[in-house]
Structure formats: structure tokens, C-alpha cells
Amino acid sequence: MKKILSIAIFSFFISNVSADDWRMEKFDLNKDNLISQGELIQLGCVKTSKMFNYADRNGDGVLNQREARRATHLIFKNRRVCPSILKPMNGVRG
């Protein structure tokens, strides 16, 4: 009984690994799970060349979800790079 209860509690706290990331929801315009520099420019982000190339670890010209997560403060939360995107959302923290 303890095993079943602990498994039930543990499974409650496991998050969905394939859940959509807020970066992909906001910045991936064509919904291909990749963020290109063109998509950032379309959304009003500026001065992205050096930072984008730095964030693009495998050099394929797009950011996958892992690269995008690593570039959060460099690109996505940087008001000098993407000023118009970062409007506060009501009720969202973090």
C-alpha cells in the first residue's frame, strides 16, 4: 500500500517533458519547434546576430528548445534585444 501511495504521489509531481515552452509559444511563428533569426526580427527583436550565433550551439542556423532555454537571458528576456515582446502578462510569475 505504501508503494502504491508513493508512486501516486511521485507521479503527481512529474511534469510533462514534452510540454510547450513559453519561448516556443512566443517566438516560433511557424510552429516548427525551431526559432530562426528571421522570426525574432519579425517580432521586433534587434541586434540579434552575435547573440543568436552564440546561442546556436550546433551552428544549424536555428535555435531548438534546449538552445532557446540556454539563451533565455541573453536574447528572450533582454529588453535591449526584444523590447516589444516583453510586456508583462497579468497573473504570470517567473
N, C-alpha and C. Protein backbone atom coordinates (compact mmCIF):
# COMPACT_ATOMS: atom_id res chain seq x y z
N MET A 1 0.81 -1.19 0.00
CA MET A 1 0.00 0.00 0.00
C MET A 1 0.86 1.26 0.00
N LYS A 2 1.99 1.23 0.75
CA LYS A 2 2.88 2.38 0.80
C LYS A 2 3.50 2.63 -0.57
N LYS A 3 3.83 1.54 -1.29
CA LYS A 3 4.42 1.68 -2.62
C LYS A 3 3.45 2.36 -3.58
N ILE A 4 2.21 1.93 -3.55
CA ILE A 4 1.21 2.48 -4.45
C ILE A 4 0.98 3.96 -4.14
N LEU A 5 0.91 4.28 -2.88
CA LEU A 5 0.71 5.67 -2.47
C LEU A 5 1.90 6.54 -2.88
N SER A 6 3.11 6.03 -2.65
CA SER A 6 4.29 6.82 -3.02
C SER A 6 4.42 6.98 -4.53
N ILE A 7 4.05 5.96 -5.29
CA ILE A 7 4.08 6.07 -6.75
C ILE A 7 3.04 7.08 -7.23
N ALA A 8 1.87 7.06 -6.62
CA ALA A 8 0.81 8.00 -6.99
C ALA A 8 1.24 9.43 -6.69
N ILE A 9 1.82 9.65 -5.53
CA ILE A 9 2.28 10.99 -5.16
C ILE A 9 3.43 11.43 -6.06
N PHE A 10 4.36 10.54 -6.32
CA PHE A 10 5.51 10.86 -7.17
C PHE A 10 5.06 11.20 -8.59
N SER A 11 4.13 10.43 -9.13
CA SER A 11 3.68 10.68 -10.50
C SER A 11 2.91 12.00 -10.60
N PHE A 12 2.34 12.47 -9.50
CA PHE A 12 1.65 13.74 -9.49
C PHE A 12 2.61 14.90 -9.71
N PHE A 13 3.85 14.76 -9.22
CA PHE A 13 4.82 15.84 -9.31
C PHE A 13 5.68 15.79 -10.56
N ILE A 14 5.58 14.76 -11.35
CA ILE A 14 6.36 14.67 -12.58
C ILE A 14 5.72 15.57 -13.62
N SER A 15 6.53 16.45 -14.19
CA SER A 15 5.98 17.36 -15.20
C SER A 15 6.04 16.72 -16.57
N ASN A 16 5.25 17.22 -17.46
CA ASN A 16 5.23 16.73 -18.82
C ASN A 16 6.48 17.23 -19.55
N VAL A 17 7.37 16.32 -19.90
CA VAL A 17 8.64 16.69 -20.51
C VAL A 17 8.43 17.32 -21.88
N SER A 18 7.43 16.90 -22.58
CA SER A 18 7.20 17.44 -23.92
C SER A 18 6.28 18.66 -23.91
N ALA A 19 6.05 19.23 -22.74
CA ALA A 19 5.18 20.40 -22.65
C ALA A 19 5.78 21.56 -23.43
N ASP A 20 4.91 22.38 -23.98
CA ASP A 20 5.38 23.52 -24.75
C ASP A 20 6.11 24.50 -23.85
N ASP A 21 7.13 25.08 -24.39
CA ASP A 21 7.94 26.05 -23.70
C ASP A 21 7.42 27.45 -24.06
N TRP A 22 7.45 28.39 -23.14
CA TRP A 22 6.94 29.73 -23.42
C TRP A 22 7.73 30.41 -24.53
N ARG A 23 9.02 30.07 -24.64
CA ARG A 23 9.83 30.67 -25.71
C ARG A 23 9.33 30.22 -27.08
N MET A 24 8.99 28.93 -27.17
CA MET A 24 8.49 28.40 -28.44
C MET A 24 7.11 28.97 -28.75
N GLU A 25 6.29 29.13 -27.73
CA GLU A 25 4.95 29.68 -27.95
C GLU A 25 5.01 31.12 -28.45
N LYS A 26 5.93 31.93 -27.90
CA LYS A 26 6.01 33.34 -28.26
C LYS A 26 6.82 33.60 -29.53
N PHE A 27 7.92 32.89 -29.71
CA PHE A 27 8.88 33.25 -30.73
C PHE A 27 8.89 32.34 -31.95
N ASP A 28 8.32 31.16 -31.87
CA ASP A 28 8.29 30.24 -33.00
C ASP A 28 7.03 30.50 -33.83
N LEU A 29 7.15 31.39 -34.79
CA LEU A 29 5.98 31.84 -35.55
C LEU A 29 5.40 30.75 -36.44
N ASN A 30 6.25 29.92 -37.06
CA ASN A 30 5.72 28.89 -37.97
C ASN A 30 5.50 27.55 -37.28
N LYS A 31 5.66 27.50 -35.97
CA LYS A 31 5.37 26.32 -35.15
C LYS A 31 6.09 25.04 -35.61
N ASP A 32 7.37 25.20 -35.97
CA ASP A 32 8.17 24.03 -36.34
C ASP A 32 9.10 23.59 -35.22
N ASN A 33 8.90 24.13 -34.01
CA ASN A 33 9.72 23.84 -32.83
C ASN A 33 11.17 24.29 -33.01
N LEU A 34 11.39 25.27 -33.85
CA LEU A 34 12.70 25.88 -34.05
C LEU A 34 12.49 27.39 -34.16
N ILE A 35 13.40 28.16 -33.59
CA ILE A 35 13.32 29.61 -33.66
C ILE A 35 14.45 30.11 -34.56
N SER A 36 14.08 30.77 -35.63
CA SER A 36 15.09 31.32 -36.55
C SER A 36 15.32 32.79 -36.22
N GLN A 37 16.41 33.31 -36.72
CA GLN A 37 16.70 34.72 -36.51
C GLN A 37 15.66 35.59 -37.22
N GLY A 38 15.16 35.14 -38.34
CA GLY A 38 14.12 35.85 -39.06
C GLY A 38 12.84 35.99 -38.25
N GLU A 39 12.50 34.95 -37.50
CA GLU A 39 11.31 35.01 -36.65
C GLU A 39 11.49 36.05 -35.55
N LEU A 40 12.69 36.14 -35.00
CA LEU A 40 12.96 37.14 -33.97
C LEU A 40 12.84 38.55 -34.55
N ILE A 41 13.37 38.73 -35.74
CA ILE A 41 13.31 40.05 -36.38
C ILE A 41 11.87 40.43 -36.70
N GLN A 42 11.08 39.46 -37.15
CA GLN A 42 9.66 39.72 -37.44
C GLN A 42 8.91 40.19 -36.20
N LEU A 43 9.33 39.72 -35.05
CA LEU A 43 8.67 40.07 -33.80
C LEU A 43 9.21 41.37 -33.19
N GLY A 44 10.17 42.00 -33.84
CA GLY A 44 10.68 43.28 -33.35
C GLY A 44 11.97 43.20 -32.58
N CYS A 45 12.60 42.06 -32.53
CA CYS A 45 13.88 41.94 -31.84
C CYS A 45 14.98 42.54 -32.72
N VAL A 46 15.92 43.24 -32.11
CA VAL A 46 17.00 43.89 -32.84
C VAL A 46 18.34 43.45 -32.28
N LYS A 47 19.39 43.68 -33.02
CA LYS A 47 20.76 43.34 -32.59
C LYS A 47 20.89 41.88 -32.17
N THR A 48 20.38 40.98 -32.98
CA THR A 48 20.36 39.58 -32.59
C THR A 48 21.49 38.75 -33.19
N SER A 49 22.21 39.27 -34.17
CA SER A 49 23.18 38.44 -34.91
C SER A 49 24.21 37.76 -34.02
N LYS A 50 24.97 38.54 -33.26
CA LYS A 50 26.03 37.95 -32.44
C LYS A 50 25.46 37.03 -31.36
N MET A 51 24.42 37.49 -30.71
CA MET A 51 23.83 36.69 -29.64
C MET A 51 23.19 35.42 -30.18
N PHE A 52 22.53 35.53 -31.32
CA PHE A 52 21.90 34.36 -31.92
C PHE A 52 22.96 33.33 -32.31
N ASN A 53 24.03 33.78 -32.94
CA ASN A 53 25.10 32.86 -33.35
C ASN A 53 25.76 32.22 -32.13
N TYR A 54 25.88 32.96 -31.04
CA TYR A 54 26.43 32.41 -29.81
C TYR A 54 25.50 31.35 -29.22
N ALA A 55 24.21 31.63 -29.24
CA ALA A 55 23.23 30.70 -28.67
C ALA A 55 23.05 29.45 -29.52
N ASP A 56 23.28 29.57 -30.82
CA ASP A 56 23.12 28.44 -31.74
C ASP A 56 24.34 27.53 -31.63
N ARG A 57 24.31 26.66 -30.65
CA ARG A 57 25.47 25.82 -30.32
C ARG A 57 25.89 24.87 -31.45
N ASN A 58 24.92 24.31 -32.17
CA ASN A 58 25.28 23.34 -33.20
C ASN A 58 25.45 23.98 -34.57
N GLY A 59 25.24 25.29 -34.68
CA GLY A 59 25.51 26.01 -35.91
C GLY A 59 24.58 25.71 -37.06
N ASP A 60 23.36 25.27 -36.78
CA ASP A 60 22.43 24.94 -37.87
C ASP A 60 21.55 26.12 -38.30
N GLY A 61 21.74 27.28 -37.68
CA GLY A 61 21.02 28.48 -38.09
C GLY A 61 19.68 28.68 -37.41
N VAL A 62 19.29 27.78 -36.53
CA VAL A 62 18.04 27.90 -35.77
C VAL A 62 18.29 27.48 -34.33
N LEU A 63 17.41 27.92 -33.44
CA LEU A 63 17.50 27.52 -32.03
C LEU A 63 16.46 26.46 -31.74
N ASN A 64 16.91 25.31 -31.26
CA ASN A 64 15.96 24.31 -30.81
C ASN A 64 15.55 24.65 -29.38
N GLN A 65 14.71 23.85 -28.77
CA GLN A 65 14.19 24.17 -27.45
C GLN A 65 15.30 24.26 -26.40
N ARG A 66 16.26 23.39 -26.48
CA ARG A 66 17.35 23.39 -25.50
C ARG A 66 18.22 24.64 -25.65
N GLU A 67 18.55 24.99 -26.89
CA GLU A 67 19.35 26.19 -27.14
C GLU A 67 18.58 27.44 -26.72
N ALA A 68 17.28 27.45 -26.97
CA ALA A 68 16.45 28.60 -26.60
C ALA A 68 16.41 28.77 -25.08
N ARG A 69 16.30 27.66 -24.35
CA ARG A 69 16.31 27.75 -22.89
C ARG A 69 17.62 28.33 -22.38
N ARG A 70 18.73 27.91 -22.98
CA ARG A 70 20.03 28.41 -22.56
C ARG A 70 20.21 29.89 -22.90
N ALA A 71 19.50 30.37 -23.91
CA ALA A 71 19.64 31.76 -24.35
C ALA A 71 18.57 32.67 -23.76
N THR A 72 17.87 32.22 -22.75
CA THR A 72 16.75 32.99 -22.20
C THR A 72 17.16 34.40 -21.82
N HIS A 73 18.17 34.56 -20.99
CA HIS A 73 18.56 35.89 -20.52
C HIS A 73 19.38 36.63 -21.57
N LEU A 74 20.00 35.93 -22.45
CA LEU A 74 20.80 36.55 -23.49
C LEU A 74 19.93 37.19 -24.57
N ILE A 75 18.86 36.52 -24.95
CA ILE A 75 18.01 37.02 -26.04
C ILE A 75 16.60 37.32 -25.57
N PHE A 76 15.91 36.35 -25.04
CA PHE A 76 14.47 36.43 -24.84
C PHE A 76 14.04 37.34 -23.70
N LYS A 77 14.83 37.46 -22.66
CA LYS A 77 14.48 38.34 -21.55
C LYS A 77 15.33 39.61 -21.54
N ASN A 78 16.04 39.87 -22.60
CA ASN A 78 16.89 41.04 -22.71
C ASN A 78 16.08 42.16 -23.37
N ARG A 79 15.73 43.19 -22.63
CA ARG A 79 14.89 44.27 -23.15
C ARG A 79 15.56 45.07 -24.25
N ARG A 80 16.88 45.08 -24.31
CA ARG A 80 17.57 45.78 -25.39
C ARG A 80 17.50 45.01 -26.69
N VAL A 81 17.31 43.72 -26.63
CA VAL A 81 17.24 42.88 -27.83
C VAL A 81 15.79 42.73 -28.29
N CYS A 82 14.90 42.36 -27.40
CA CYS A 82 13.49 42.14 -27.74
C CYS A 82 12.59 43.01 -26.87
N PRO A 83 12.58 44.32 -27.10
CA PRO A 83 11.83 45.22 -26.21
C PRO A 83 10.32 45.10 -26.33
N SER A 84 9.79 44.91 -27.52
CA SER A 84 8.34 44.92 -27.69
C SER A 84 7.69 43.62 -27.26
N ILE A 85 8.43 42.55 -27.15
CA ILE A 85 7.89 41.24 -26.79
C ILE A 85 7.67 41.14 -25.29
N LEU A 86 8.45 41.84 -24.52
CA LEU A 86 8.49 41.61 -23.08
C LEU A 86 7.50 42.46 -22.30
N LYS A 87 6.29 42.52 -22.74
CA LYS A 87 5.26 43.22 -21.98
C LYS A 87 4.81 42.30 -20.85
N PRO A 88 4.64 42.83 -19.65
CA PRO A 88 4.22 41.99 -18.53
C PRO A 88 2.86 41.36 -18.78
N MET A 89 2.74 40.11 -18.39
CA MET A 89 1.47 39.40 -18.53
C MET A 89 0.82 39.33 -17.15
N ASN A 90 -0.44 39.62 -17.07
CA ASN A 90 -1.16 39.59 -15.80
C ASN A 90 -1.25 38.17 -15.26
N GLY A 91 -0.92 38.02 -13.99
CA GLY A 91 -1.08 36.74 -13.33
C GLY A 91 0.03 35.73 -13.60
N VAL A 92 1.06 36.11 -14.36
CA VAL A 92 2.15 35.19 -14.66
C VAL A 92 3.38 35.62 -13.89
N ARG A 93 3.95 34.69 -13.17
CA ARG A 93 5.14 34.99 -12.39
C ARG A 93 6.31 34.21 -12.92
N GLY A 94 7.50 34.74 -12.72
CA GLY A 94 8.69 34.00 -13.04
C GLY A 94 9.26 34.32 -14.32
